[in-house]
Amino acid sequence: MNLEKGFQGEVRFDERIAPILNGRLVLNDLLLEHHNTQFQIDSLVISLKTNYLFEVKL
């Protein structure tokens, strides 16, 4: 149930952010590793000057 809620929250986030993206690149559900520790980024928005990391909660 928690996974389904999380997915629903990410879909709602994507719908809300879409109108303001203006050509920015969006990467969703990134699974990364640093020093043998894995972590997940829900959404990464990449623009020319700034990168934005989002952890989505419902």
PDB file of N, CA and C in Angstrom:
ATOM      1  N   MET A   1       0.828  -1.196   0.000  1.00  0.00           N
ATOM      2  CA  MET A   1       0.000   0.000   0.000  1.00  0.00           C
ATOM      3  C   MET A   1       0.872   1.259   0.000  1.00  0.00           C
ATOM      4  N   ASN A   2       1.967   1.240   0.757  1.00  0.00           N
ATOM      5  CA  ASN A   2       2.852   2.403   0.794  1.00  0.00           C
ATOM      6  C   ASN A   2       3.487   2.676  -0.565  1.00  0.00           C
ATOM      7  N   LEU A   3       3.850   1.604  -1.293  1.00  0.00           N
ATOM      8  CA  LEU A   3       4.430   1.781  -2.621  1.00  0.00           C
ATOM      9  C   LEU A   3       3.427   2.420  -3.573  1.00  0.00           C
ATOM     10  N   GLU A   4       2.180   1.986  -3.487  1.00  0.00           N
ATOM     11  CA  GLU A   4       1.132   2.550  -4.349  1.00  0.00           C
ATOM     12  C   GLU A   4       0.907   4.020  -4.031  1.00  0.00           C
ATOM     13  N   LYS A   5       0.880   4.379  -2.747  1.00  0.00           N
ATOM     14  CA  LYS A   5       0.723   5.782  -2.355  1.00  0.00           C
ATOM     15  C   LYS A   5       1.897   6.612  -2.857  1.00  0.00           C
ATOM     16  N   GLY A   6       3.093   6.064  -2.734  1.00  0.00           N
ATOM     17  CA  GLY A   6       4.283   6.767  -3.208  1.00  0.00           C
ATOM     18  C   GLY A   6       4.228   7.010  -4.702  1.00  0.00           C
ATOM     19  N   PHE A   7       3.813   5.999  -5.453  1.00  0.00           N
ATOM     20  CA  PHE A   7       3.689   6.139  -6.900  1.00  0.00           C
ATOM     21  C   PHE A   7       2.648   7.190  -7.249  1.00  0.00           C
ATOM     22  N   GLN A   8       1.512   7.164  -6.574  1.00  0.00           N
ATOM     23  CA  GLN A   8       0.453   8.150  -6.820  1.00  0.00           C
ATOM     24  C   GLN A   8       0.963   9.566  -6.542  1.00  0.00           C
ATOM     25  N   GLY A   9       1.722   9.726  -5.476  1.00  0.00           N
ATOM     26  CA  GLY A   9       2.284  11.034  -5.148  1.00  0.00           C
ATOM     27  C   GLY A   9       3.238  11.527  -6.222  1.00  0.00           C
ATOM     28  N   GLU A  10       4.060  10.622  -6.752  1.00  0.00           N
ATOM     29  CA  GLU A  10       5.000  11.005  -7.801  1.00  0.00           C
ATOM     30  C   GLU A  10       4.268  11.364  -9.088  1.00  0.00           C
ATOM     31  N   VAL A  11       3.207  10.651  -9.424  1.00  0.00           N
ATOM     32  CA  VAL A  11       2.410  10.976 -10.618  1.00  0.00           C
ATOM     33  C   VAL A  11       1.773  12.355 -10.455  1.00  0.00           C
ATOM     34  N   ARG A  12       1.227  12.626  -9.290  1.00  0.00           N
ATOM     35  CA  ARG A  12       0.606  13.942  -9.034  1.00  0.00           C
ATOM     36  C   ARG A  12       1.649  15.046  -9.099  1.00  0.00           C
ATOM     37  N   PHE A  13       2.834  14.792  -8.572  1.00  0.00           N
ATOM     38  CA  PHE A  13       3.924  15.767  -8.642  1.00  0.00           C
ATOM     39  C   PHE A  13       4.278  16.058 -10.104  1.00  0.00           C
ATOM     40  N   ASP A  14       4.431  15.004 -10.915  1.00  0.00           N
ATOM     41  CA  ASP A  14       4.762  15.172 -12.333  1.00  0.00           C
ATOM     42  C   ASP A  14       3.705  16.005 -13.056  1.00  0.00           C
ATOM     43  N   GLU A  15       2.433  15.756 -12.751  1.00  0.00           N
ATOM     44  CA  GLU A  15       1.345  16.516 -13.378  1.00  0.00           C
ATOM     45  C   GLU A  15       1.401  17.987 -12.990  1.00  0.00           C
ATOM     46  N   ARG A  16       1.726  18.265 -11.734  1.00  0.00           N
ATOM     47  CA  ARG A  16       1.753  19.650 -11.269  1.00  0.00           C
ATOM     48  C   ARG A  16       2.962  20.423 -11.777  1.00  0.00           C
ATOM     49  N   ILE A  17       4.085  19.751 -11.930  1.00  0.00           N
ATOM     50  CA  ILE A  17       5.302  20.448 -12.338  1.00  0.00           C
ATOM     51  C   ILE A  17       5.403  20.608 -13.859  1.00  0.00           C
ATOM     52  N   ALA A  18       4.677  19.793 -14.620  1.00  0.00           N
ATOM     53  CA  ALA A  18       4.769  19.805 -16.091  1.00  0.00           C
ATOM     54  C   ALA A  18       4.584  21.197 -16.710  1.00  0.00           C
ATOM     55  N   PRO A  19       3.606  21.999 -16.282  1.00  0.00           N
ATOM     56  CA  PRO A  19       3.400  23.301 -16.934  1.00  0.00           C
ATOM     57  C   PRO A  19       4.561  24.289 -16.761  1.00  0.00           C
ATOM     58  N   ILE A  20       5.408  24.105 -15.772  1.00  0.00           N
ATOM     59  CA  ILE A  20       6.484  25.076 -15.528  1.00  0.00           C
ATOM     60  C   ILE A  20       7.865  24.570 -15.942  1.00  0.00           C
ATOM     61  N   LEU A  21       7.936  23.433 -16.601  1.00  0.00           N
ATOM     62  CA  LEU A  21       9.235  22.861 -16.960  1.00  0.00           C
ATOM     63  C   LEU A  21       9.954  23.649 -18.051  1.00  0.00           C
ATOM     64  N   ASN A  22       9.253  24.154 -19.028  1.00  0.00           N
ATOM     65  CA  ASN A  22       9.844  24.980 -20.087  1.00  0.00           C
ATOM     66  C   ASN A  22      11.125  24.396 -20.661  1.00  0.00           C
ATOM     67  N   GLY A  23      11.085  23.145 -21.088  1.00  0.00           N
ATOM     68  CA  GLY A  23      12.242  22.536 -21.731  1.00  0.00           C
ATOM     69  C   GLY A  23      13.291  21.962 -20.796  1.00  0.00           C
ATOM     70  N   ARG A  24      13.065  22.026 -19.493  1.00  0.00           N
ATOM     71  CA  ARG A  24      14.021  21.429 -18.554  1.00  0.00           C
ATOM     72  C   ARG A  24      13.916  19.905 -18.628  1.00  0.00           C
ATOM     73  N   LEU A  25      15.008  19.251 -18.334  1.00  0.00           N
ATOM     74  CA  LEU A  25      15.048  17.794 -18.345  1.00  0.00           C
ATOM     75  C   LEU A  25      14.647  17.262 -16.977  1.00  0.00           C
ATOM     76  N   VAL A  26      13.787  16.245 -16.959  1.00  0.00           N
ATOM     77  CA  VAL A  26      13.353  15.629 -15.703  1.00  0.00           C
ATOM     78  C   VAL A  26      13.744  14.159 -15.716  1.00  0.00           C
ATOM     79  N   LEU A  27      14.440  13.727 -14.668  1.00  0.00           N
ATOM     80  CA  LEU A  27      14.781  12.323 -14.471  1.00  0.00           C
ATOM     81  C   LEU A  27      14.065  11.856 -13.216  1.00  0.00           C
ATOM     82  N   ASN A  28      13.312  10.763 -13.332  1.00  0.00           N
ATOM     83  CA  ASN A  28      12.537  10.251 -12.207  1.00  0.00           C
ATOM     84  C   ASN A  28      13.096   8.930 -11.701  1.00  0.00           C
ATOM     85  N   ASP A  29      12.916   8.692 -10.409  1.00  0.00           N
ATOM     86  CA  ASP A  29      13.249   7.417  -9.766  1.00  0.00           C
ATOM     87  C   ASP A  29      14.695   6.988 -10.005  1.00  0.00           C
ATOM     88  N   LEU A  30      15.607   7.863  -9.651  1.00  0.00           N
ATOM     89  CA  LEU A  30      17.025   7.547  -9.793  1.00  0.00           C
ATOM     90  C   LEU A  30      17.497   6.742  -8.586  1.00  0.00           C
ATOM     91  N   LEU A  31      18.159   5.637  -8.833  1.00  0.00           N
ATOM     92  CA  LEU A  31      18.766   4.848  -7.767  1.00  0.00           C
ATOM     93  C   LEU A  31      20.272   5.007  -7.914  1.00  0.00           C
ATOM     94  N   LEU A  32      20.894   5.654  -6.935  1.00  0.00           N
ATOM     95  CA  LEU A  32      22.315   5.977  -6.989  1.00  0.00           C
ATOM     96  C   LEU A  32      23.055   5.317  -5.841  1.00  0.00           C
ATOM     97  N   GLU A  33      24.360   5.260  -5.956  1.00  0.00           N
ATOM     98  CA  GLU A  33      25.194   4.687  -4.899  1.00  0.00           C
ATOM     99  C   GLU A  33      26.370   5.615  -4.642  1.00  0.00           C
ATOM    100  N   HIS A  34      26.675   5.822  -3.365  1.00  0.00           N
ATOM    101  CA  HIS A  34      27.820   6.640  -2.945  1.00  0.00           C
ATOM    102  C   HIS A  34      28.430   5.980  -1.716  1.00  0.00           C
ATOM    103  N   HIS A  35      29.697   5.660  -1.790  1.00  0.00           N
ATOM    104  CA  HIS A  35      30.392   4.987  -0.678  1.00  0.00           C
ATOM    105  C   HIS A  35      29.641   3.732  -0.225  1.00  0.00           C
ATOM    106  N   ASN A  36      29.261   2.908  -1.168  1.00  0.00           N
ATOM    107  CA  ASN A  36      28.566   1.636  -0.904  1.00  0.00           C
ATOM    108  C   ASN A  36      27.206   1.800  -0.243  1.00  0.00           C
ATOM    109  N   THR A  37      26.619   2.977  -0.333  1.00  0.00           N
ATOM    110  CA  THR A  37      25.286   3.224   0.198  1.00  0.00           C
ATOM    111  C   THR A  37      24.375   3.629  -0.948  1.00  0.00           C
ATOM    112  N   GLN A  38      23.273   2.920  -1.116  1.00  0.00           N
ATOM    113  CA  GLN A  38      22.320   3.262  -2.162  1.00  0.00           C
ATOM    114  C   GLN A  38      21.286   4.254  -1.643  1.00  0.00           C
ATOM    115  N   PHE A  39      20.875   5.162  -2.530  1.00  0.00           N
ATOM    116  CA  PHE A  39      19.814   6.108  -2.196  1.00  0.00           C
ATOM    117  C   PHE A  39      19.022   6.401  -3.455  1.00  0.00           C
ATOM    118  N   GLN A  40      17.792   6.871  -3.252  1.00  0.00           N
ATOM    119  CA  GLN A  40      16.889   7.117  -4.362  1.00  0.00           C
ATOM    120  C   GLN A  40      16.494   8.584  -4.386  1.00  0.00           C
ATOM    121  N   ILE A  41      16.448   9.157  -5.589  1.00  0.00           N
ATOM    122  CA  ILE A  41      15.944  10.512  -5.804  1.00  0.00           C
ATOM    123  C   ILE A  41      14.651  10.364  -6.599  1.00  0.00           C
ATOM    124  N   ASP A  42      13.558  10.915  -6.073  1.00  0.00           N
ATOM    125  CA  ASP A  42      12.268  10.789  -6.755  1.00  0.00           C
ATOM    126  C   ASP A  42      12.269  11.534  -8.082  1.00  0.00           C
ATOM    127  N   SER A  43      12.702  12.794  -8.084  1.00  0.00           N
ATOM    128  CA  SER A  43      12.747  13.580  -9.317  1.00  0.00           C
ATOM    129  C   SER A  43      13.945  14.515  -9.282  1.00  0.00           C
ATOM    130  N   LEU A  44      14.641  14.565 -10.404  1.00  0.00           N
ATOM    131  CA  LEU A  44      15.760  15.484 -10.590  1.00  0.00           C
ATOM    132  C   LEU A  44      15.410  16.342 -11.797  1.00  0.00           C
ATOM    133  N   VAL A  45      15.316  17.651 -11.595  1.00  0.00           N
ATOM    134  CA  VAL A  45      15.028  18.589 -12.678  1.00  0.00           C
ATOM    135  C   VAL A  45      16.328  19.307 -12.998  1.00  0.00           C
ATOM    136  N   ILE A  46      16.746  19.211 -14.249  1.00  0.00           N
ATOM    137  CA  ILE A  46      18.011  19.789 -14.680  1.00  0.00           C
ATOM    138  C   ILE A  46      17.724  20.989 -15.571  1.00  0.00           C
ATOM    139  N   SER A  47      18.260  22.146 -15.174  1.00  0.00           N
ATOM    140  CA  SER A  47      18.145  23.353 -15.993  1.00  0.00           C
ATOM    141  C   SER A  47      19.553  23.846 -16.311  1.00  0.00           C
ATOM    142  N   LEU A  48      19.651  24.915 -17.060  1.00  0.00           N
ATOM    143  CA  LEU A  48      20.964  25.424 -17.460  1.00  0.00           C
ATOM    144  C   LEU A  48      21.823  25.859 -16.278  1.00  0.00           C
ATOM    145  N   LYS A  49      21.207  26.469 -15.276  1.00  0.00           N
ATOM    146  CA  LYS A  49      21.979  27.026 -14.161  1.00  0.00           C
ATOM    147  C   LYS A  49      21.870  26.232 -12.862  1.00  0.00           C
ATOM    148  N   THR A  50      20.781  25.492 -12.685  1.00  0.00           N
ATOM    149  CA  THR A  50      20.529  24.852 -11.399  1.00  0.00           C
ATOM    150  C   THR A  50      19.910  23.477 -11.600  1.00  0.00           C
ATOM    151  N   ASN A  51      20.255  22.565 -10.715  1.00  0.00           N
ATOM    152  CA  ASN A  51      19.618  21.253 -10.654  1.00  0.00           C
ATOM    153  C   ASN A  51      18.763  21.207  -9.388  1.00  0.00           C
ATOM    154  N   TYR A  52      17.559  20.673  -9.508  1.00  0.00           N
ATOM    155  CA  TYR A  52      16.633  20.612  -8.387  1.00  0.00           C
ATOM    156  C   TYR A  52      16.339  19.156  -8.050  1.00  0.00           C
ATOM    157  N   LEU A  53      16.506  18.793  -6.803  1.00  0.00           N
ATOM    158  CA  LEU A  53      16.205  17.446  -6.312  1.00  0.00           C
ATOM    159  C   LEU A  53      14.891  17.491  -5.544  1.00  0.00           C
ATOM    160  N   PHE A  54      14.017  16.510  -5.814  1.00  0.00           N
ATOM    161  CA  PHE A  54      12.725  16.464  -5.127  1.00  0.00           C
ATOM    162  C   PHE A  54      12.517  15.092  -4.513  1.00  0.00           C
ATOM    163  N   GLU A  55      12.153  15.079  -3.253  1.00  0.00           N
ATOM    164  CA  GLU A  55      11.722  13.883  -2.544  1.00  0.00           C
ATOM    165  C   GLU A  55      10.226  14.057  -2.354  1.00  0.00           C
ATOM    166  N   VAL A  56       9.433  13.260  -3.043  1.00  0.00           N
ATOM    167  CA  VAL A  56       7.980  13.454  -3.071  1.00  0.00           C
ATOM    168  C   VAL A  56       7.331  12.640  -1.960  1.00  0.00           C
ATOM    169  N   LYS A  57       6.461  13.291  -1.199  1.00  0.00           N
ATOM    170  CA  LYS A  57       5.666  12.642  -0.148  1.00  0.00           C
ATOM    171  C   LYS A  57       4.208  12.918  -0.409  1.00  0.00           C
ATOM    172  N   LEU A  58       3.357  11.962  -0.099  1.00  0.00           N
ATOM    173  CA  LEU A  58       1.918  12.126  -0.305  1.00  0.00           C
ATOM    174  C   LEU A  58       1.275  12.633   0.955  1.00  0.00           C
TER     175      LEU A  58
END
